[in-house]
Amino acid sequence: FARDEGADLGLAVDPDVDRLSLVNESGVPIGEDLTLALASAVVLRRTPGIVVTNLSTSRVVEDVARAHGGELVRAPVGEIHVARRMQSEGAVVGGEGNGGVILPDLHHTRDAPLASALVLQHLVDEGSTLSAAVDRWPAYTIVKTKIDFPRESLPDAYAELERQLASDGVDSTDGARFHWVERQAWLHVRPSGTEPVVRLIAEAPGRSEAQELVEGATAVLEGLM
């Protein structure tokens, strides 16, 4: 529709209007992680400070925060965890990679109309199209899967993943999130809050590397069952 109508961009929200997805002027979806990234750029340009997001959100948000003199802090997955961490950190903006943006000057709740306004302001600030604004930042690919796995065995699984993956660090505040600095990659393994499964989410500059991380971690879990 955005392409057919010659629109500058398309804005899509979920039924309760707390998450925003974007479509560029060519009709191409750009991914919900970019909603928070672009919205954060607007806030940080005016008020440098802390950005809070969850452990499964793209590192492009971190790229934006650093470029504007800010700092990224990660919280467990879930709006309430992000909101509470924003309050404790005194964050200037935050949200999740599902298109949810939280601006504490307004309230500590995800808000799609707010996100729309910030994205539109970002295009004014940049004086560019949405695709050009996105192309300014590194491109990453996220791969997701899930596996049936006994939750009581997760501590052993995390320990085995840490032993085999040789990452640069592990965040254990919500499952286990492994990261590799030079590879610009991460893997998050956590029990689902909505299904009786374990979720595996990986991000890397290329799809093949992200897929390799997910498949390798899946093989480790399957080997423990």
N, C-alpha and C. Protein backbone atom coordinates (compact mmCIF):
# COMPACT_ATOMS: atom_id res chain seq x y z
N PHE A 1 0.83 -1.20 0.00
CA PHE A 1 0.00 0.00 0.00
C PHE A 1 0.87 1.26 0.00
N ALA A 2 1.92 1.28 0.81
CA ALA A 2 2.80 2.46 0.85
C ALA A 2 3.43 2.71 -0.52
N ARG A 3 3.86 1.65 -1.17
CA ARG A 3 4.46 1.78 -2.50
C ARG A 3 3.43 2.23 -3.53
N ASP A 4 2.26 1.60 -3.50
CA ASP A 4 1.22 1.92 -4.50
C ASP A 4 0.72 3.35 -4.36
N GLU A 5 0.67 3.85 -3.14
CA GLU A 5 0.15 5.19 -2.90
C GLU A 5 1.24 6.27 -3.00
N GLY A 6 2.50 5.84 -3.17
CA GLY A 6 3.59 6.81 -3.21
C GLY A 6 3.85 7.46 -1.87
N ALA A 7 3.55 6.73 -0.80
CA ALA A 7 3.73 7.27 0.55
C ALA A 7 5.20 7.30 0.95
N ASP A 8 5.53 8.18 1.87
CA ASP A 8 6.90 8.25 2.38
C ASP A 8 7.24 7.06 3.27
N LEU A 9 6.23 6.50 3.92
CA LEU A 9 6.42 5.33 4.76
C LEU A 9 5.05 4.77 5.14
N GLY A 10 5.06 3.56 5.67
CA GLY A 10 3.84 2.95 6.19
C GLY A 10 4.00 2.67 7.67
N LEU A 11 2.93 2.85 8.43
CA LEU A 11 2.93 2.62 9.87
C LEU A 11 1.87 1.58 10.19
N ALA A 12 2.25 0.51 10.87
CA ALA A 12 1.30 -0.54 11.25
C ALA A 12 1.39 -0.78 12.75
N VAL A 13 0.26 -0.88 13.40
CA VAL A 13 0.23 -1.12 14.85
C VAL A 13 -0.54 -2.40 15.15
N ASP A 14 -0.33 -2.94 16.34
CA ASP A 14 -1.05 -4.13 16.78
C ASP A 14 -2.40 -3.71 17.37
N PRO A 15 -3.27 -4.67 17.71
CA PRO A 15 -4.62 -4.32 18.15
C PRO A 15 -4.69 -3.40 19.37
N ASP A 16 -3.75 -3.53 20.33
CA ASP A 16 -3.81 -2.64 21.49
C ASP A 16 -2.89 -1.43 21.35
N VAL A 17 -2.39 -1.23 20.17
CA VAL A 17 -1.68 0.00 19.77
C VAL A 17 -0.50 0.32 20.68
N ASP A 18 0.28 -0.69 21.03
CA ASP A 18 1.49 -0.41 21.82
C ASP A 18 2.77 -0.78 21.07
N ARG A 19 2.63 -1.35 19.87
CA ARG A 19 3.80 -1.72 19.09
C ARG A 19 3.66 -1.20 17.66
N LEU A 20 4.79 -0.75 17.09
CA LEU A 20 4.78 -0.12 15.78
C LEU A 20 5.75 -0.83 14.83
N SER A 21 5.24 -1.20 13.65
CA SER A 21 6.07 -1.73 12.58
C SER A 21 6.13 -0.71 11.45
N LEU A 22 7.26 -0.68 10.76
CA LEU A 22 7.48 0.32 9.72
C LEU A 22 7.69 -0.34 8.36
N VAL A 23 7.18 0.33 7.34
CA VAL A 23 7.40 -0.06 5.95
C VAL A 23 7.99 1.14 5.24
N ASN A 24 9.08 0.95 4.50
CA ASN A 24 9.71 2.11 3.86
C ASN A 24 8.97 2.54 2.60
N GLU A 25 9.50 3.56 1.96
CA GLU A 25 8.82 4.16 0.81
C GLU A 25 8.71 3.22 -0.39
N SER A 26 9.49 2.12 -0.36
CA SER A 26 9.41 1.12 -1.43
C SER A 26 8.49 -0.03 -1.07
N GLY A 27 7.86 0.05 0.09
CA GLY A 27 6.95 -1.00 0.53
C GLY A 27 7.63 -2.16 1.21
N VAL A 28 8.88 -1.97 1.66
CA VAL A 28 9.66 -3.04 2.29
C VAL A 28 9.62 -2.89 3.81
N PRO A 29 9.17 -3.93 4.54
CA PRO A 29 9.22 -3.87 6.01
C PRO A 29 10.67 -3.79 6.48
N ILE A 30 10.94 -2.98 7.50
CA ILE A 30 12.33 -2.81 7.92
C ILE A 30 12.65 -3.52 9.23
N GLY A 31 11.68 -4.15 9.85
CA GLY A 31 11.96 -4.88 11.08
C GLY A 31 11.67 -4.04 12.30
N GLU A 32 11.00 -4.64 13.30
CA GLU A 32 10.54 -3.87 14.46
C GLU A 32 11.66 -3.35 15.34
N ASP A 33 12.84 -4.00 15.30
CA ASP A 33 13.95 -3.49 16.12
C ASP A 33 14.33 -2.07 15.70
N LEU A 34 14.15 -1.76 14.42
CA LEU A 34 14.50 -0.42 13.94
C LEU A 34 13.55 0.64 14.48
N THR A 35 12.34 0.26 14.85
CA THR A 35 11.41 1.23 15.46
C THR A 35 12.05 1.85 16.70
N LEU A 36 12.54 1.00 17.60
CA LEU A 36 13.17 1.51 18.82
C LEU A 36 14.47 2.24 18.50
N ALA A 37 15.24 1.73 17.56
CA ALA A 37 16.52 2.35 17.23
C ALA A 37 16.32 3.78 16.73
N LEU A 38 15.41 3.97 15.78
CA LEU A 38 15.19 5.30 15.22
C LEU A 38 14.55 6.24 16.24
N ALA A 39 13.61 5.71 17.02
CA ALA A 39 12.99 6.54 18.06
C ALA A 39 14.02 6.98 19.10
N SER A 40 14.93 6.07 19.44
CA SER A 40 15.97 6.40 20.42
C SER A 40 16.89 7.49 19.91
N ALA A 41 17.17 7.48 18.62
CA ALA A 41 18.05 8.50 18.04
C ALA A 41 17.47 9.90 18.24
N VAL A 42 16.15 10.02 18.10
CA VAL A 42 15.49 11.32 18.28
C VAL A 42 15.67 11.81 19.71
N VAL A 43 15.43 10.94 20.68
CA VAL A 43 15.52 11.33 22.08
C VAL A 43 16.97 11.63 22.47
N LEU A 44 17.88 10.76 22.07
CA LEU A 44 19.28 10.92 22.46
C LEU A 44 19.93 12.14 21.81
N ARG A 45 19.47 12.51 20.63
CA ARG A 45 19.99 13.71 19.98
C ARG A 45 19.74 14.94 20.85
N ARG A 46 18.63 14.91 21.59
CA ARG A 46 18.25 16.04 22.43
C ARG A 46 18.63 15.86 23.90
N THR A 47 18.60 14.61 24.36
CA THR A 47 18.90 14.32 25.77
C THR A 47 19.73 13.04 25.86
N PRO A 48 21.05 13.14 25.74
CA PRO A 48 21.89 11.94 25.86
C PRO A 48 21.69 11.29 27.22
N GLY A 49 21.69 9.97 27.25
CA GLY A 49 21.51 9.26 28.51
C GLY A 49 21.42 7.77 28.29
N ILE A 50 20.71 7.10 29.15
CA ILE A 50 20.62 5.65 29.13
C ILE A 50 19.40 5.19 28.34
N VAL A 51 19.61 4.17 27.51
CA VAL A 51 18.53 3.49 26.80
C VAL A 51 18.42 2.08 27.40
N VAL A 52 17.21 1.65 27.69
CA VAL A 52 17.00 0.30 28.23
C VAL A 52 16.20 -0.51 27.22
N THR A 53 16.66 -1.72 26.95
CA THR A 53 15.90 -2.65 26.12
C THR A 53 16.11 -4.05 26.66
N ASN A 54 15.44 -5.03 26.06
CA ASN A 54 15.58 -6.38 26.59
C ASN A 54 16.73 -7.14 25.96
N LEU A 55 17.00 -8.31 26.50
CA LEU A 55 18.16 -9.09 26.08
C LEU A 55 18.05 -9.67 24.68
N SER A 56 16.84 -9.67 24.11
CA SER A 56 16.65 -10.24 22.78
C SER A 56 16.48 -9.19 21.69
N THR A 57 16.76 -7.94 21.99
CA THR A 57 16.64 -6.86 21.02
C THR A 57 17.94 -6.69 20.24
N SER A 58 17.81 -6.31 18.99
CA SER A 58 18.97 -6.16 18.09
C SER A 58 20.03 -5.21 18.64
N ARG A 59 21.27 -5.50 18.33
CA ARG A 59 22.37 -4.64 18.74
C ARG A 59 22.39 -3.31 17.98
N VAL A 60 21.53 -3.14 16.96
CA VAL A 60 21.47 -1.86 16.28
C VAL A 60 21.04 -0.76 17.24
N VAL A 61 20.25 -1.11 18.26
CA VAL A 61 19.86 -0.12 19.27
C VAL A 61 21.09 0.33 20.05
N GLU A 62 22.00 -0.60 20.32
CA GLU A 62 23.25 -0.25 20.99
C GLU A 62 24.11 0.64 20.10
N ASP A 63 24.15 0.35 18.80
CA ASP A 63 24.90 1.19 17.86
C ASP A 63 24.39 2.62 17.89
N VAL A 64 23.06 2.78 17.89
CA VAL A 64 22.46 4.11 17.91
C VAL A 64 22.78 4.82 19.23
N ALA A 65 22.66 4.10 20.34
CA ALA A 65 22.93 4.71 21.64
C ALA A 65 24.37 5.22 21.72
N ARG A 66 25.32 4.41 21.31
CA ARG A 66 26.72 4.80 21.37
C ARG A 66 27.02 5.97 20.46
N ALA A 67 26.42 5.97 19.28
CA ALA A 67 26.68 7.05 18.31
C ALA A 67 26.20 8.40 18.83
N HIS A 68 25.22 8.39 19.72
CA HIS A 68 24.69 9.63 20.27
C HIS A 68 25.16 9.88 21.70
N GLY A 69 26.24 9.22 22.10
CA GLY A 69 26.81 9.45 23.42
C GLY A 69 26.01 8.86 24.55
N GLY A 70 25.16 7.89 24.23
CA GLY A 70 24.36 7.26 25.26
C GLY A 70 24.91 5.91 25.67
N GLU A 71 24.19 5.25 26.53
CA GLU A 71 24.58 3.93 27.03
C GLU A 71 23.38 2.99 26.97
N LEU A 72 23.62 1.76 26.53
CA LEU A 72 22.54 0.78 26.48
C LEU A 72 22.62 -0.15 27.69
N VAL A 73 21.48 -0.33 28.36
CA VAL A 73 21.35 -1.26 29.47
C VAL A 73 20.28 -2.28 29.08
N ARG A 74 20.56 -3.56 29.33
CA ARG A 74 19.62 -4.61 28.95
C ARG A 74 18.92 -5.19 30.17
N ALA A 75 17.66 -5.53 29.97
CA ALA A 75 16.81 -6.09 31.03
C ALA A 75 16.22 -7.40 30.54
N PRO A 76 15.65 -8.21 31.43
CA PRO A 76 14.95 -9.42 30.99
C PRO A 76 13.82 -9.08 30.02
N VAL A 77 13.43 -10.06 29.23
CA VAL A 77 12.35 -9.88 28.26
C VAL A 77 11.03 -9.60 28.99
N GLY A 78 10.26 -8.67 28.47
CA GLY A 78 8.97 -8.33 29.06
C GLY A 78 8.87 -6.85 29.33
N GLU A 79 7.76 -6.24 28.96
CA GLU A 79 7.60 -4.80 29.12
C GLU A 79 7.79 -4.35 30.56
N ILE A 80 7.27 -5.11 31.52
CA ILE A 80 7.37 -4.70 32.92
C ILE A 80 8.82 -4.67 33.39
N HIS A 81 9.63 -5.63 32.91
CA HIS A 81 11.05 -5.67 33.31
C HIS A 81 11.80 -4.47 32.72
N VAL A 82 11.49 -4.15 31.47
CA VAL A 82 12.14 -3.00 30.84
C VAL A 82 11.72 -1.71 31.52
N ALA A 83 10.44 -1.56 31.80
CA ALA A 83 9.94 -0.33 32.43
C ALA A 83 10.55 -0.12 33.82
N ARG A 84 10.60 -1.20 34.59
CA ARG A 84 11.18 -1.08 35.93
C ARG A 84 12.66 -0.74 35.88
N ARG A 85 13.37 -1.33 34.92
CA ARG A 85 14.80 -1.03 34.79
C ARG A 85 14.99 0.41 34.33
N MET A 86 14.11 0.89 33.46
CA MET A 86 14.19 2.28 33.05
C MET A 86 14.03 3.20 34.25
N GLN A 87 13.10 2.87 35.14
CA GLN A 87 12.90 3.70 36.33
C GLN A 87 14.12 3.69 37.24
N SER A 88 14.69 2.51 37.45
CA SER A 88 15.85 2.41 38.34
C SER A 88 17.10 3.06 37.75
N GLU A 89 17.21 3.05 36.43
CA GLU A 89 18.39 3.61 35.76
C GLU A 89 18.23 5.09 35.41
N GLY A 90 17.00 5.60 35.50
CA GLY A 90 16.76 6.96 35.05
C GLY A 90 16.92 7.10 33.55
N ALA A 91 16.48 6.09 32.81
CA ALA A 91 16.65 6.08 31.35
C ALA A 91 15.84 7.18 30.68
N VAL A 92 16.35 7.66 29.54
CA VAL A 92 15.65 8.72 28.80
C VAL A 92 14.71 8.13 27.76
N VAL A 93 14.92 6.87 27.38
CA VAL A 93 14.06 6.18 26.41
C VAL A 93 14.32 4.69 26.54
N GLY A 94 13.39 3.89 26.07
CA GLY A 94 13.59 2.44 26.13
C GLY A 94 12.47 1.73 25.40
N GLY A 95 12.48 0.42 25.50
CA GLY A 95 11.46 -0.37 24.84
C GLY A 95 11.98 -1.73 24.46
N GLU A 96 11.27 -2.39 23.55
CA GLU A 96 11.64 -3.73 23.14
C GLU A 96 11.73 -3.82 21.63
N GLY A 97 12.37 -4.88 21.16
CA GLY A 97 12.58 -5.07 19.73
C GLY A 97 11.35 -5.53 18.99
N ASN A 98 10.20 -5.54 19.65
CA ASN A 98 8.94 -5.90 19.00
C ASN A 98 8.20 -4.67 18.49
N GLY A 99 8.87 -3.53 18.46
CA GLY A 99 8.25 -2.30 18.00
C GLY A 99 7.69 -1.45 19.12
N GLY A 100 7.90 -1.86 20.38
CA GLY A 100 7.39 -1.11 21.52
C GLY A 100 8.38 -0.07 22.00
N VAL A 101 7.95 1.17 22.09
CA VAL A 101 8.80 2.28 22.53
C VAL A 101 8.20 2.89 23.79
N ILE A 102 9.06 3.17 24.78
CA ILE A 102 8.64 3.78 26.04
C ILE A 102 9.40 5.09 26.23
N LEU A 103 8.68 6.16 26.43
CA LEU A 103 9.29 7.46 26.71
C LEU A 103 8.87 7.90 28.11
N PRO A 104 9.78 7.86 29.08
CA PRO A 104 9.39 8.16 30.46
C PRO A 104 8.84 9.56 30.67
N ASP A 105 9.19 10.51 29.81
CA ASP A 105 8.61 11.85 29.95
C ASP A 105 7.10 11.83 29.71
N LEU A 106 6.60 10.80 29.03
CA LEU A 106 5.17 10.64 28.79
C LEU A 106 4.58 9.64 29.77
N HIS A 107 5.07 8.41 29.74
CA HIS A 107 4.69 7.38 30.71
C HIS A 107 5.59 6.16 30.50
N HIS A 108 5.55 5.21 31.42
CA HIS A 108 6.40 4.03 31.34
C HIS A 108 5.64 2.85 30.73
N THR A 109 5.05 3.07 29.57
CA THR A 109 4.28 2.05 28.87
C THR A 109 4.58 2.14 27.39
N ARG A 110 4.63 1.00 26.70
CA ARG A 110 4.83 1.00 25.25
C ARG A 110 3.69 1.75 24.58
N ASP A 111 4.01 2.53 23.54
CA ASP A 111 3.03 3.44 22.97
C ASP A 111 3.32 3.62 21.48
N ALA A 112 2.47 3.04 20.60
CA ALA A 112 2.70 3.12 19.16
C ALA A 112 2.52 4.53 18.59
N PRO A 113 1.50 5.30 19.00
CA PRO A 113 1.41 6.67 18.49
C PRO A 113 2.64 7.50 18.86
N LEU A 114 3.13 7.32 20.08
CA LEU A 114 4.38 7.98 20.47
C LEU A 114 5.52 7.56 19.56
N ALA A 115 5.65 6.27 19.32
CA ALA A 115 6.71 5.77 18.45
C ALA A 115 6.59 6.35 17.04
N SER A 116 5.35 6.46 16.55
CA SER A 116 5.13 7.05 15.22
C SER A 116 5.64 8.48 15.17
N ALA A 117 5.31 9.25 16.20
CA ALA A 117 5.75 10.64 16.24
C ALA A 117 7.27 10.75 16.27
N LEU A 118 7.91 9.89 17.05
CA LEU A 118 9.37 9.93 17.13
C LEU A 118 10.01 9.54 15.81
N VAL A 119 9.48 8.53 15.15
CA VAL A 119 10.04 8.11 13.86
C VAL A 119 9.88 9.24 12.83
N LEU A 120 8.71 9.86 12.79
CA LEU A 120 8.50 10.97 11.87
C LEU A 120 9.46 12.12 12.17
N GLN A 121 9.68 12.39 13.46
CA GLN A 121 10.62 13.44 13.83
C GLN A 121 12.03 13.08 13.40
N HIS A 122 12.36 11.78 13.48
CA HIS A 122 13.69 11.34 13.05
C HIS A 122 13.90 11.64 11.57
N LEU A 123 12.89 11.39 10.75
CA LEU A 123 13.03 11.67 9.32
C LEU A 123 13.19 13.17 9.08
N VAL A 124 12.52 14.00 9.88
CA VAL A 124 12.71 15.44 9.78
C VAL A 124 14.13 15.81 10.18
N ASP A 125 14.60 15.23 11.29
CA ASP A 125 15.96 15.52 11.77
C ASP A 125 17.00 15.16 10.72
N GLU A 126 16.82 13.99 10.09
CA GLU A 126 17.80 13.49 9.13
C GLU A 126 17.60 14.12 7.75
N GLY A 127 16.41 14.61 7.47
CA GLY A 127 16.13 15.14 6.15
C GLY A 127 16.26 14.08 5.08
N SER A 128 15.81 12.86 5.41
CA SER A 128 16.01 11.73 4.49
C SER A 128 14.77 10.86 4.42
N THR A 129 14.81 9.91 3.50
CA THR A 129 13.77 8.88 3.44
C THR A 129 13.98 7.89 4.57
N LEU A 130 12.98 7.06 4.81
CA LEU A 130 13.11 6.04 5.84
C LEU A 130 14.20 5.03 5.47
N SER A 131 14.27 4.64 4.22
CA SER A 131 15.30 3.66 3.82
C SER A 131 16.69 4.23 4.01
N ALA A 132 16.89 5.51 3.71
CA ALA A 132 18.21 6.13 3.91
C ALA A 132 18.53 6.24 5.39
N ALA A 133 17.52 6.54 6.21
CA ALA A 133 17.76 6.62 7.65
C ALA A 133 18.17 5.27 8.22
N VAL A 134 17.57 4.20 7.71
CA VAL A 134 17.91 2.85 8.15
C VAL A 134 19.30 2.44 7.66
N ASP A 135 19.61 2.80 6.41
CA ASP A 135 20.90 2.40 5.82
C ASP A 135 22.09 3.04 6.51
N ARG A 136 21.85 4.05 7.32
CA ARG A 136 22.96 4.68 8.06
C ARG A 136 23.56 3.71 9.08
N TRP A 137 22.76 2.73 9.53
CA TRP A 137 23.17 1.85 10.61
C TRP A 137 23.53 0.47 10.10
N PRO A 138 24.39 -0.26 10.82
CA PRO A 138 24.75 -1.62 10.40
C PRO A 138 23.52 -2.51 10.29
N ALA A 139 23.57 -3.45 9.36
CA ALA A 139 22.46 -4.38 9.17
C ALA A 139 22.80 -5.71 9.84
N TYR A 140 21.86 -6.24 10.59
CA TYR A 140 22.02 -7.52 11.26
C TYR A 140 20.84 -8.42 10.91
N THR A 141 21.03 -9.72 11.09
CA THR A 141 19.95 -10.68 10.87
C THR A 141 19.69 -11.45 12.14
N ILE A 142 18.42 -11.53 12.53
CA ILE A 142 18.02 -12.30 13.70
C ILE A 142 17.34 -13.59 13.25
N VAL A 143 17.75 -14.70 13.85
CA VAL A 143 17.15 -16.01 13.58
C VAL A 143 16.58 -16.55 14.88
N LYS A 144 15.33 -17.05 14.83
CA LYS A 144 14.66 -17.54 16.03
C LYS A 144 14.15 -18.95 15.82
N THR A 145 14.19 -19.74 16.88
CA THR A 145 13.58 -21.06 16.86
C THR A 145 13.17 -21.42 18.29
N LYS A 146 12.53 -22.54 18.45
CA LYS A 146 12.15 -23.00 19.80
C LYS A 146 12.24 -24.51 19.83
N ILE A 147 12.40 -25.05 21.04
CA ILE A 147 12.60 -26.48 21.21
C ILE A 147 11.93 -26.94 22.49
N ASP A 148 11.34 -28.12 22.46
CA ASP A 148 10.82 -28.71 23.69
C ASP A 148 12.01 -29.19 24.52
N PHE A 149 12.09 -28.71 25.75
CA PHE A 149 13.23 -29.06 26.60
C PHE A 149 12.78 -28.96 28.05
N PRO A 150 13.13 -29.93 28.89
CA PRO A 150 12.71 -29.89 30.30
C PRO A 150 13.33 -28.71 31.05
N ARG A 151 12.50 -27.90 31.64
CA ARG A 151 13.00 -26.69 32.30
C ARG A 151 13.90 -27.00 33.48
N GLU A 152 13.67 -28.13 34.12
CA GLU A 152 14.51 -28.47 35.28
C GLU A 152 15.94 -28.76 34.86
N SER A 153 16.15 -29.02 33.56
CA SER A 153 17.49 -29.31 33.06
C SER A 153 18.19 -28.09 32.49
N LEU A 154 17.53 -26.94 32.54
CA LEU A 154 18.12 -25.74 31.94
C LEU A 154 19.44 -25.30 32.58
N PRO A 155 19.58 -25.35 33.91
CA PRO A 155 20.88 -24.96 34.48
C PRO A 155 22.04 -25.76 33.90
N ASP A 156 21.85 -27.07 33.72
CA ASP A 156 22.90 -27.89 33.11
C ASP A 156 23.11 -27.49 31.65
N ALA A 157 22.02 -27.13 30.97
CA ALA A 157 22.12 -26.74 29.56
C ALA A 157 22.92 -25.44 29.42
N TYR A 158 22.64 -24.48 30.31
CA TYR A 158 23.37 -23.22 30.24
C TYR A 158 24.87 -23.45 30.48
N ALA A 159 25.18 -24.31 31.45
CA ALA A 159 26.59 -24.59 31.75
C ALA A 159 27.28 -25.25 30.57
N GLU A 160 26.58 -26.17 29.91
CA GLU A 160 27.17 -26.87 28.78
C GLU A 160 27.34 -25.92 27.58
N LEU A 161 26.37 -25.05 27.37
CA LEU A 161 26.49 -24.07 26.29
C LEU A 161 27.67 -23.14 26.55
N GLU A 162 27.82 -22.71 27.79
CA GLU A 162 28.94 -21.83 28.11
C GLU A 162 30.27 -22.53 27.87
N ARG A 163 30.32 -23.83 28.19
CA ARG A 163 31.56 -24.59 27.98
C ARG A 163 31.89 -24.74 26.50
N GLN A 164 30.88 -24.99 25.69
CA GLN A 164 31.12 -25.28 24.28
C GLN A 164 31.23 -24.04 23.39
N LEU A 165 30.54 -22.98 23.75
CA LEU A 165 30.46 -21.84 22.85
C LEU A 165 31.65 -20.89 22.95
N ALA A 166 32.33 -20.87 24.06
CA ALA A 166 33.51 -20.00 24.23
C ALA A 166 33.19 -18.56 23.83
N SER A 167 32.17 -18.00 24.45
CA SER A 167 31.77 -16.63 24.13
C SER A 167 32.62 -15.63 24.90
N ASP A 168 32.39 -14.35 24.63
CA ASP A 168 33.11 -13.30 25.34
C ASP A 168 32.43 -12.90 26.64
N GLY A 169 31.25 -13.43 26.89
CA GLY A 169 30.55 -13.11 28.12
C GLY A 169 29.15 -13.69 28.13
N VAL A 170 28.59 -13.84 29.34
CA VAL A 170 27.26 -14.42 29.49
C VAL A 170 26.46 -13.55 30.45
N ASP A 171 25.24 -13.20 30.05
CA ASP A 171 24.30 -12.50 30.92
C ASP A 171 23.27 -13.54 31.36
N SER A 172 23.16 -13.75 32.67
CA SER A 172 22.29 -14.81 33.20
C SER A 172 21.04 -14.26 33.87
N THR A 173 20.67 -13.02 33.57
CA THR A 173 19.51 -12.43 34.23
C THR A 173 18.18 -12.94 33.67
N ASP A 174 18.21 -13.54 32.49
CA ASP A 174 16.99 -14.08 31.87
C ASP A 174 17.42 -15.23 30.96
N GLY A 175 17.53 -16.43 31.53
CA GLY A 175 18.12 -17.53 30.77
C GLY A 175 19.61 -17.31 30.66
N ALA A 176 20.13 -17.40 29.45
CA ALA A 176 21.56 -17.16 29.22
C ALA A 176 21.73 -16.47 27.87
N ARG A 177 22.38 -15.32 27.89
CA ARG A 177 22.67 -14.58 26.65
C ARG A 177 24.17 -14.52 26.47
N PHE A 178 24.65 -15.14 25.41
CA PHE A 178 26.07 -15.19 25.09
C PHE A 178 26.37 -14.15 24.00
N HIS A 179 27.53 -13.49 24.11
CA HIS A 179 27.87 -12.52 23.06
C HIS A 179 29.32 -12.64 22.64
N TRP A 180 29.59 -12.25 21.40
CA TRP A 180 30.91 -12.29 20.80
C TRP A 180 31.17 -10.90 20.22
N VAL A 181 32.15 -10.19 20.77
CA VAL A 181 32.38 -8.79 20.42
C VAL A 181 32.83 -8.64 18.97
N GLU A 182 33.90 -9.30 18.58
CA GLU A 182 34.44 -9.14 17.24
C GLU A 182 33.49 -9.65 16.17
N ARG A 183 32.75 -10.69 16.48
CA ARG A 183 31.81 -11.26 15.51
C ARG A 183 30.52 -10.44 15.44
N GLN A 184 30.35 -9.50 16.37
CA GLN A 184 29.13 -8.70 16.44
C GLN A 184 27.90 -9.61 16.47
N ALA A 185 27.98 -10.63 17.30
CA ALA A 185 26.92 -11.65 17.35
C ALA A 185 26.53 -11.95 18.79
N TRP A 186 25.32 -12.47 18.94
CA TRP A 186 24.86 -12.91 20.26
C TRP A 186 23.84 -14.03 20.10
N LEU A 187 23.68 -14.79 21.19
CA LEU A 187 22.71 -15.88 21.24
C LEU A 187 22.01 -15.82 22.59
N HIS A 188 20.68 -15.85 22.56
CA HIS A 188 19.90 -15.81 23.79
C HIS A 188 19.07 -17.09 23.89
N VAL A 189 19.25 -17.81 24.99
CA VAL A 189 18.52 -19.05 25.25
C VAL A 189 17.73 -18.85 26.53
N ARG A 190 16.40 -18.98 26.44
CA ARG A 190 15.56 -18.69 27.61
C ARG A 190 14.26 -19.49 27.53
N PRO A 191 13.69 -19.82 28.69
CA PRO A 191 12.38 -20.47 28.68
C PRO A 191 11.31 -19.46 28.30
N SER A 192 10.37 -19.89 27.48
CA SER A 192 9.28 -19.02 27.06
C SER A 192 8.38 -18.69 28.25
N GLY A 193 7.86 -17.48 28.24
CA GLY A 193 6.90 -17.11 29.27
C GLY A 193 5.47 -17.40 28.86
N THR A 194 5.26 -17.82 27.61
CA THR A 194 3.91 -18.06 27.10
C THR A 194 3.69 -19.48 26.59
N GLU A 195 4.77 -20.25 26.39
CA GLU A 195 4.66 -21.61 25.89
C GLU A 195 5.60 -22.52 26.67
N PRO A 196 5.31 -23.84 26.72
CA PRO A 196 6.20 -24.77 27.43
C PRO A 196 7.39 -25.17 26.57
N VAL A 197 8.15 -24.17 26.10
CA VAL A 197 9.29 -24.41 25.22
C VAL A 197 10.46 -23.53 25.66
N VAL A 198 11.62 -23.81 25.08
CA VAL A 198 12.79 -22.96 25.26
C VAL A 198 13.03 -22.23 23.94
N ARG A 199 13.20 -20.94 24.01
CA ARG A 199 13.44 -20.14 22.81
C ARG A 199 14.93 -19.91 22.60
N LEU A 200 15.35 -19.96 21.35
CA LEU A 200 16.72 -19.68 20.98
C LEU A 200 16.69 -18.57 19.93
N ILE A 201 17.37 -17.47 20.23
CA ILE A 201 17.39 -16.31 19.35
C ILE A 201 18.85 -15.90 19.16
N ALA A 202 19.25 -15.75 17.91
CA ALA A 202 20.63 -15.35 17.62
C ALA A 202 20.64 -14.21 16.62
N GLU A 203 21.66 -13.36 16.72
CA GLU A 203 21.82 -12.26 15.77
C GLU A 203 23.27 -12.19 15.35
N ALA A 204 23.49 -11.88 14.08
CA ALA A 204 24.82 -11.73 13.52
C ALA A 204 24.71 -10.85 12.27
N PRO A 205 25.84 -10.38 11.74
CA PRO A 205 25.77 -9.58 10.52
C PRO A 205 25.20 -10.36 9.33
N GLY A 206 25.38 -11.67 9.31
CA GLY A 206 24.87 -12.48 8.22
C GLY A 206 23.92 -13.57 8.71
N ARG A 207 22.95 -13.95 7.86
CA ARG A 207 21.98 -14.97 8.26
C ARG A 207 22.65 -16.30 8.53
N SER A 208 23.64 -16.68 7.75
CA SER A 208 24.25 -17.99 7.92
C SER A 208 24.91 -18.12 9.28
N GLU A 209 25.55 -17.05 9.76
CA GLU A 209 26.20 -17.11 11.06
C GLU A 209 25.17 -17.17 12.19
N ALA A 210 24.10 -16.40 12.06
CA ALA A 210 23.05 -16.45 13.07
C ALA A 210 22.39 -17.83 13.08
N GLN A 211 22.16 -18.39 11.91
CA GLN A 211 21.57 -19.71 11.81
C GLN A 211 22.50 -20.75 12.42
N GLU A 212 23.78 -20.60 12.21
CA GLU A 212 24.76 -21.54 12.77
C GLU A 212 24.74 -21.51 14.29
N LEU A 213 24.60 -20.33 14.88
CA LEU A 213 24.55 -20.22 16.34
C LEU A 213 23.31 -20.92 16.89
N VAL A 214 22.17 -20.71 16.24
CA VAL A 214 20.94 -21.34 16.68
C VAL A 214 21.02 -22.86 16.54
N GLU A 215 21.51 -23.32 15.41
CA GLU A 215 21.59 -24.76 15.18
C GLU A 215 22.58 -25.43 16.13
N GLY A 216 23.69 -24.76 16.40
CA GLY A 216 24.68 -25.32 17.32
C GLY A 216 24.14 -25.43 18.73
N ALA A 217 23.43 -24.39 19.18
CA ALA A 217 22.85 -24.43 20.52
C ALA A 217 21.73 -25.47 20.60
N THR A 218 20.96 -25.60 19.54
CA THR A 218 19.90 -26.62 19.51
C THR A 218 20.50 -28.01 19.64
N ALA A 219 21.60 -28.23 18.94
CA ALA A 219 22.25 -29.55 19.01
C ALA A 219 22.74 -29.85 20.41
N VAL A 220 23.25 -28.83 21.12
CA VAL A 220 23.70 -29.02 22.49
C VAL A 220 22.53 -29.43 23.38
N LEU A 221 21.41 -28.73 23.25
CA LEU A 221 20.23 -29.05 24.06
C LEU A 221 19.70 -30.44 23.74
N GLU A 222 19.65 -30.78 22.48
CA GLU A 222 19.16 -32.11 22.09
C GLU A 222 20.08 -33.22 22.63
N GLY A 223 21.37 -32.91 22.72
CA GLY A 223 22.31 -33.88 23.24
C GLY A 223 22.17 -34.13 24.73
N LEU A 224 21.48 -33.23 25.42
CA LEU A 224 21.29 -33.37 26.86
C LEU A 224 19.96 -34.05 27.22
N MET A 225 19.13 -34.29 26.22
CA MET A 225 17.82 -34.90 26.50
C MET A 225 17.88 -36.42 26.44
